[in-house]
């Protein structure tokens, strides 16, 4: 096998050992600069690909969270409807007008005096059943409120009743 170019030049006397070492040193410095400083095209493509994957993963997580929230909302609404349906009380018409607010409009129902009193003190509540207004007991109202507040049309919470106004006139 032949000698390297450096060895041939050294034997011919055209360069000395100091110059050979200097050339080897410069070659090593250039190689390390290439490795450390410069990012090759394949490396930048890998970085872009990883960033795209990270962004897609974030989008998928956000979408999954929204879908889970929608599923939970539907489950809560279904549970509230089931509670209302299972515990509704018969609404007997009477001669007392009881007014409530539904979707920003004042509405009224005709009930007897006993039911009107129970509604006003918070022992009964009004909820939206299958396209009509139904009476439900206070404990059921509290359970429904935890799941879906919009199903309850009227509930006078006894804890929030102002003591300045007597209930018995």
C-alpha atoms as a PDB file:
ATOM      1  CA  UNK A   1       0.000   0.000   0.000  1.00  0.00           C
ATOM      2  CA  UNK A   2       1.195   3.479  -0.768  1.00  0.00           C
ATOM      3  CA  UNK A   3       2.034   6.191   1.633  1.00  0.00           C
ATOM      4  CA  UNK A   4      -0.375   9.011   2.344  1.00  0.00           C
ATOM      5  CA  UNK A   5       0.143  12.368   0.696  1.00  0.00           C
ATOM      6  CA  UNK A   6       1.368  13.879   3.961  1.00  0.00           C
ATOM      7  CA  UNK A   7       3.974  11.155   4.421  1.00  0.00           C
ATOM      8  CA  UNK A   8       5.122  11.488   0.827  1.00  0.00           C
ATOM      9  CA  UNK A   9       5.531  15.264   1.182  1.00  0.00           C
ATOM     10  CA  UNK A  10       7.336  14.775   4.498  1.00  0.00           C
ATOM     11  CA  UNK A  11       9.826  12.272   2.981  1.00  0.00           C
ATOM     12  CA  UNK A  12      10.358  14.462  -0.005  1.00  0.00           C
ATOM     13  CA  UNK A  13      11.229  17.301   2.368  1.00  0.00           C
ATOM     14  CA  UNK A  14       8.619  19.671   1.038  1.00  0.00           C
ATOM     15  CA  UNK A  15       6.943  20.023   4.481  1.00  0.00           C
ATOM     16  CA  UNK A  16       8.125  19.532   8.025  1.00  0.00           C
ATOM     17  CA  UNK A  17       6.456  17.745  10.973  1.00  0.00           C
ATOM     18  CA  UNK A  18       5.212  21.001  12.407  1.00  0.00           C
ATOM     19  CA  UNK A  19       3.264  21.829   9.243  1.00  0.00           C
ATOM     20  CA  UNK A  20       1.776  18.293   9.114  1.00  0.00           C
ATOM     21  CA  UNK A  21       0.552  18.624  12.719  1.00  0.00           C
ATOM     22  CA  UNK A  22      -0.878  22.082  11.980  1.00  0.00           C
ATOM     23  CA  UNK A  23      -2.819  20.696   8.962  1.00  0.00           C
ATOM     24  CA  UNK A  24      -4.189  17.784  11.033  1.00  0.00           C
ATOM     25  CA  UNK A  25      -5.248  20.192  13.782  1.00  0.00           C
ATOM     26  CA  UNK A  26      -7.112  22.459  11.332  1.00  0.00           C
ATOM     27  CA  UNK A  27      -8.868  19.444   9.838  1.00  0.00           C
ATOM     28  CA  UNK A  28     -10.050  18.292  13.304  1.00  0.00           C
ATOM     29  CA  UNK A  29     -11.293  21.816  14.158  1.00  0.00           C
ATOM     30  CA  UNK A  30     -13.307  22.011  10.941  1.00  0.00           C
ATOM     31  CA  UNK A  31     -14.888  18.596  11.573  1.00  0.00           C
ATOM     32  CA  UNK A  32     -15.932  19.574  15.105  1.00  0.00           C
ATOM     33  CA  UNK A  33     -17.408  22.851  13.831  1.00  0.00           C
ATOM     34  CA  UNK A  34     -19.462  20.933  11.308  1.00  0.00           C
ATOM     35  CA  UNK A  35     -20.783  18.579  13.980  1.00  0.00           C
ATOM     36  CA  UNK A  36     -21.594  21.244  16.573  1.00  0.00           C
ATOM     37  CA  UNK A  37     -22.548  24.371  14.713  1.00  0.00           C
ATOM     38  CA  UNK A  38     -24.302  23.341  11.579  1.00  0.00           C
ATOM     39  CA  UNK A  39     -27.604  21.514  11.473  1.00  0.00           C
ATOM     40  CA  UNK A  40     -27.884  19.364   8.423  1.00  0.00           C
ATOM     41  CA  UNK A  41     -30.958  19.349   6.216  1.00  0.00           C
ATOM     42  CA  UNK A  42     -32.055  15.957   7.517  1.00  0.00           C
ATOM     43  CA  UNK A  43     -31.831  17.213  11.119  1.00  0.00           C
ATOM     44  CA  UNK A  44     -33.986  20.257  10.381  1.00  0.00           C
ATOM     45  CA  UNK A  45     -36.545  18.046   8.636  1.00  0.00           C
ATOM     46  CA  UNK A  46     -36.645  15.783  11.688  1.00  0.00           C
ATOM     47  CA  UNK A  47     -37.168  18.794  13.966  1.00  0.00           C
ATOM     48  CA  UNK A  48     -40.002  20.120  11.780  1.00  0.00           C
ATOM     49  CA  UNK A  49     -41.616  16.685  11.735  1.00  0.00           C
ATOM     50  CA  UNK A  50     -41.389  16.423  15.526  1.00  0.00           C
ATOM     51  CA  UNK A  51     -42.917  19.892  15.911  1.00  0.00           C
ATOM     52  CA  UNK A  52     -45.782  18.942  13.591  1.00  0.00           C
ATOM     53  CA  UNK A  53     -46.391  15.768  15.575  1.00  0.00           C
ATOM     54  CA  UNK A  54     -46.395  17.749  18.830  1.00  0.00           C
ATOM     55  CA  UNK A  55     -48.895  20.275  17.428  1.00  0.00           C
ATOM     56  CA  UNK A  56     -51.137  17.480  16.146  1.00  0.00           C
ATOM     57  CA  UNK A  57     -51.015  15.751  19.530  1.00  0.00           C
ATOM     58  CA  UNK A  58     -52.030  19.012  21.238  1.00  0.00           C
ATOM     59  CA  UNK A  59     -54.930  19.448  18.810  1.00  0.00           C
ATOM     60  CA  UNK A  60     -56.073  15.864  19.367  1.00  0.00           C
ATOM     61  CA  UNK A  61     -55.955  16.311  23.138  1.00  0.00           C
ATOM     62  CA  UNK A  62     -57.991  19.505  22.898  1.00  0.00           C
ATOM     63  CA  UNK A  63     -60.549  17.854  20.623  1.00  0.00           C
ATOM     64  CA  UNK A  64     -60.800  14.819  22.916  1.00  0.00           C
ATOM     65  CA  UNK A  65     -61.314  17.063  25.942  1.00  0.00           C
ATOM     66  CA  UNK A  66     -64.128  18.922  24.149  1.00  0.00           C
ATOM     67  CA  UNK A  67     -65.767  15.654  23.097  1.00  0.00           C
ATOM     68  CA  UNK A  68     -65.537  14.285  26.638  1.00  0.00           C
ATOM     69  CA  UNK A  69     -67.068  17.480  27.976  1.00  0.00           C
ATOM     70  CA  UNK A  70     -69.948  17.210  25.478  1.00  0.00           C
ATOM     71  CA  UNK A  71     -70.524  13.566  26.425  1.00  0.00           C
ATOM     72  CA  UNK A  72     -70.535  14.445  30.117  1.00  0.00           C
ATOM     73  CA  UNK A  73     -73.005  17.282  29.515  1.00  0.00           C
ATOM     74  CA  UNK A  74     -75.359  14.970  27.615  1.00  0.00           C
ATOM     75  CA  UNK A  75     -75.093  12.318  30.330  1.00  0.00           C
ATOM     76  CA  UNK A  76     -75.885  14.890  33.014  1.00  0.00           C
ATOM     77  CA  UNK A  77     -78.884  16.174  31.054  1.00  0.00           C
ATOM     78  CA  UNK A  78     -80.175  12.636  30.575  1.00  0.00           C
ATOM     79  CA  UNK A  79     -79.760  11.876  34.269  1.00  0.00           C
ATOM     80  CA  UNK A  80     -81.602  15.091  35.176  1.00  0.00           C
ATOM     81  CA  UNK A  81     -84.489  14.230  32.840  1.00  0.00           C
ATOM     82  CA  UNK A  82     -84.668  10.750  34.321  1.00  0.00           C
ATOM     83  CA  UNK A  83     -84.750  12.144  37.866  1.00  0.00           C
ATOM     84  CA  UNK A  84     -87.523  14.565  36.940  1.00  0.00           C
ATOM     85  CA  UNK A  85     -89.544  11.869  35.211  1.00  0.00           C
ATOM     86  CA  UNK A  86     -89.207   9.388  38.061  1.00  0.00           C
ATOM     87  CA  UNK A  87     -90.141  11.788  40.855  1.00  0.00           C
ATOM     88  CA  UNK A  88     -92.685  14.128  39.311  1.00  0.00           C
ATOM     89  CA  UNK A  89     -95.806  14.838  41.313  1.00  0.00           C
ATOM     90  CA  UNK A  90     -99.270  15.309  39.864  1.00  0.00           C
ATOM     91  CA  UNK A  91    -100.037  18.928  39.109  1.00  0.00           C
ATOM     92  CA  UNK A  92    -103.589  19.601  40.196  1.00  0.00           C
ATOM     93  CA  UNK A  93    -105.143  22.730  38.824  1.00  0.00           C
ATOM     94  CA  UNK A  94    -106.564  25.158  41.330  1.00  0.00           C
ATOM     95  CA  UNK A  95    -107.672  28.723  41.634  1.00  0.00           C
ATOM     96  CA  UNK A  96    -104.371  30.303  42.783  1.00  0.00           C
ATOM     97  CA  UNK A  97    -102.188  31.881  40.101  1.00  0.00           C
ATOM     98  CA  UNK A  98     -98.486  31.122  40.588  1.00  0.00           C
ATOM     99  CA  UNK A  99     -96.068  33.047  38.378  1.00  0.00           C
ATOM    100  CA  UNK A 100     -92.513  32.097  37.404  1.00  0.00           C
ATOM    101  CA  UNK A 101     -89.915  33.194  34.875  1.00  0.00           C
ATOM    102  CA  UNK A 102     -88.997  30.908  31.987  1.00  0.00           C
ATOM    103  CA  UNK A 103     -86.531  32.005  29.308  1.00  0.00           C
ATOM    104  CA  UNK A 104     -86.958  35.650  30.260  1.00  0.00           C
ATOM    105  CA  UNK A 105     -90.741  35.561  30.060  1.00  0.00           C
ATOM    106  CA  UNK A 106     -93.162  35.597  32.945  1.00  0.00           C
ATOM    107  CA  UNK A 107     -95.408  32.559  32.847  1.00  0.00           C
ATOM    108  CA  UNK A 108     -98.120  31.356  35.165  1.00  0.00           C
ATOM    109  CA  UNK A 109     -99.776  28.166  36.300  1.00  0.00           C
ATOM    110  CA  UNK A 110    -102.948  27.618  38.276  1.00  0.00           C
ATOM    111  CA  UNK A 111    -102.429  25.560  41.437  1.00  0.00           C
ATOM    112  CA  UNK A 112    -104.238  25.055  44.730  1.00  0.00           C
ATOM    113  CA  UNK A 113    -103.189  27.024  47.822  1.00  0.00           C
ATOM    114  CA  UNK A 114    -101.302  24.119  49.431  1.00  0.00           C
ATOM    115  CA  UNK A 115     -99.015  23.672  46.406  1.00  0.00           C
ATOM    116  CA  UNK A 116     -98.488  27.449  46.105  1.00  0.00           C
ATOM    117  CA  UNK A 117     -97.380  27.556  49.748  1.00  0.00           C
ATOM    118  CA  UNK A 118     -94.987  24.636  49.280  1.00  0.00           C
ATOM    119  CA  UNK A 119     -93.521  26.255  46.166  1.00  0.00           C
ATOM    120  CA  UNK A 120     -92.968  29.550  47.965  1.00  0.00           C
ATOM    121  CA  UNK A 121     -91.166  28.005  50.971  1.00  0.00           C
ATOM    122  CA  UNK A 122     -88.989  25.680  48.913  1.00  0.00           C
ATOM    123  CA  UNK A 123     -90.545  22.279  49.603  1.00  0.00           C
ATOM    124  CA  UNK A 124     -91.464  21.863  45.935  1.00  0.00           C
ATOM    125  CA  UNK A 125     -89.960  23.059  42.693  1.00  0.00           C
ATOM    126  CA  UNK A 126     -91.023  23.439  39.098  1.00  0.00           C
ATOM    127  CA  UNK A 127     -89.113  21.647  36.380  1.00  0.00           C
ATOM    128  CA  UNK A 128     -89.479  21.119  32.676  1.00  0.00           C
ATOM    129  CA  UNK A 129     -90.701  17.600  31.999  1.00  0.00           C
ATOM    130  CA  UNK A 130     -91.658  16.177  28.646  1.00  0.00           C
ATOM    131  CA  UNK A 131     -92.700  19.499  27.070  1.00  0.00           C
ATOM    132  CA  UNK A 132     -94.717  20.527  30.122  1.00  0.00           C
ATOM    133  CA  UNK A 133     -94.175  21.917  33.605  1.00  0.00           C
ATOM    134  CA  UNK A 134     -94.059  19.384  36.442  1.00  0.00           C
ATOM    135  CA  UNK A 135     -93.815  19.536  40.227  1.00  0.00           C
ATOM    136  CA  UNK A 136     -90.920  17.789  41.932  1.00  0.00           C
ATOM    137  CA  UNK A 137     -89.871  17.515  45.597  1.00  0.00           C
ATOM    138  CA  UNK A 138     -87.092  19.722  46.980  1.00  0.00           C
ATOM    139  CA  UNK A 139     -84.575  16.883  47.434  1.00  0.00           C
ATOM    140  CA  UNK A 140     -84.967  15.956  43.774  1.00  0.00           C
ATOM    141  CA  UNK A 141     -84.579  19.600  42.776  1.00  0.00           C
ATOM    142  CA  UNK A 142     -81.204  19.698  44.524  1.00  0.00           C
ATOM    143  CA  UNK A 143     -80.076  16.526  42.737  1.00  0.00           C
ATOM    144  CA  UNK A 144     -81.200  17.880  39.367  1.00  0.00           C
ATOM    145  CA  UNK A 145     -79.449  21.223  39.956  1.00  0.00           C
ATOM    146  CA  UNK A 146     -76.148  19.371  40.411  1.00  0.00           C
ATOM    147  CA  UNK A 147     -76.573  17.795  37.001  1.00  0.00           C
ATOM    148  CA  UNK A 148     -78.427  20.375  34.898  1.00  0.00           C
ATOM    149  CA  UNK A 149     -79.523  23.743  36.287  1.00  0.00           C
ATOM    150  CA  UNK A 150     -81.439  24.641  33.138  1.00  0.00           C
ATOM    151  CA  UNK A 151     -84.023  21.902  33.768  1.00  0.00           C
ATOM    152  CA  UNK A 152     -85.283  23.661  36.898  1.00  0.00           C
ATOM    153  CA  UNK A 153     -87.740  26.466  36.229  1.00  0.00           C
ATOM    154  CA  UNK A 154     -88.415  27.525  39.804  1.00  0.00           C
ATOM    155  CA  UNK A 155     -86.986  26.691  43.198  1.00  0.00           C
ATOM    156  CA  UNK A 156     -87.080  28.946  46.245  1.00  0.00           C
ATOM    157  CA  UNK A 157     -84.128  27.769  48.295  1.00  0.00           C
ATOM    158  CA  UNK A 158     -85.065  27.970  51.995  1.00  0.00           C
ATOM    159  CA  UNK A 159     -81.464  28.842  52.870  1.00  0.00           C
ATOM    160  CA  UNK A 160     -81.715  31.995  50.774  1.00  0.00           C
ATOM    161  CA  UNK A 161     -85.112  33.155  52.001  1.00  0.00           C
ATOM    162  CA  UNK A 162     -84.823  36.580  53.569  1.00  0.00           C
ATOM    163  CA  UNK A 163     -86.000  36.533  57.183  1.00  0.00           C
ATOM    164  CA  UNK A 164     -87.118  40.187  57.023  1.00  0.00           C
ATOM    165  CA  UNK A 165     -90.301  39.175  55.248  1.00  0.00           C
ATOM    166  CA  UNK A 166     -92.605  36.871  57.211  1.00  0.00           C
ATOM    167  CA  UNK A 167     -94.158  33.993  55.325  1.00  0.00           C
ATOM    168  CA  UNK A 168     -97.388  34.024  57.345  1.00  0.00           C
ATOM    169  CA  UNK A 169     -99.390  37.210  56.829  1.00  0.00           C
END
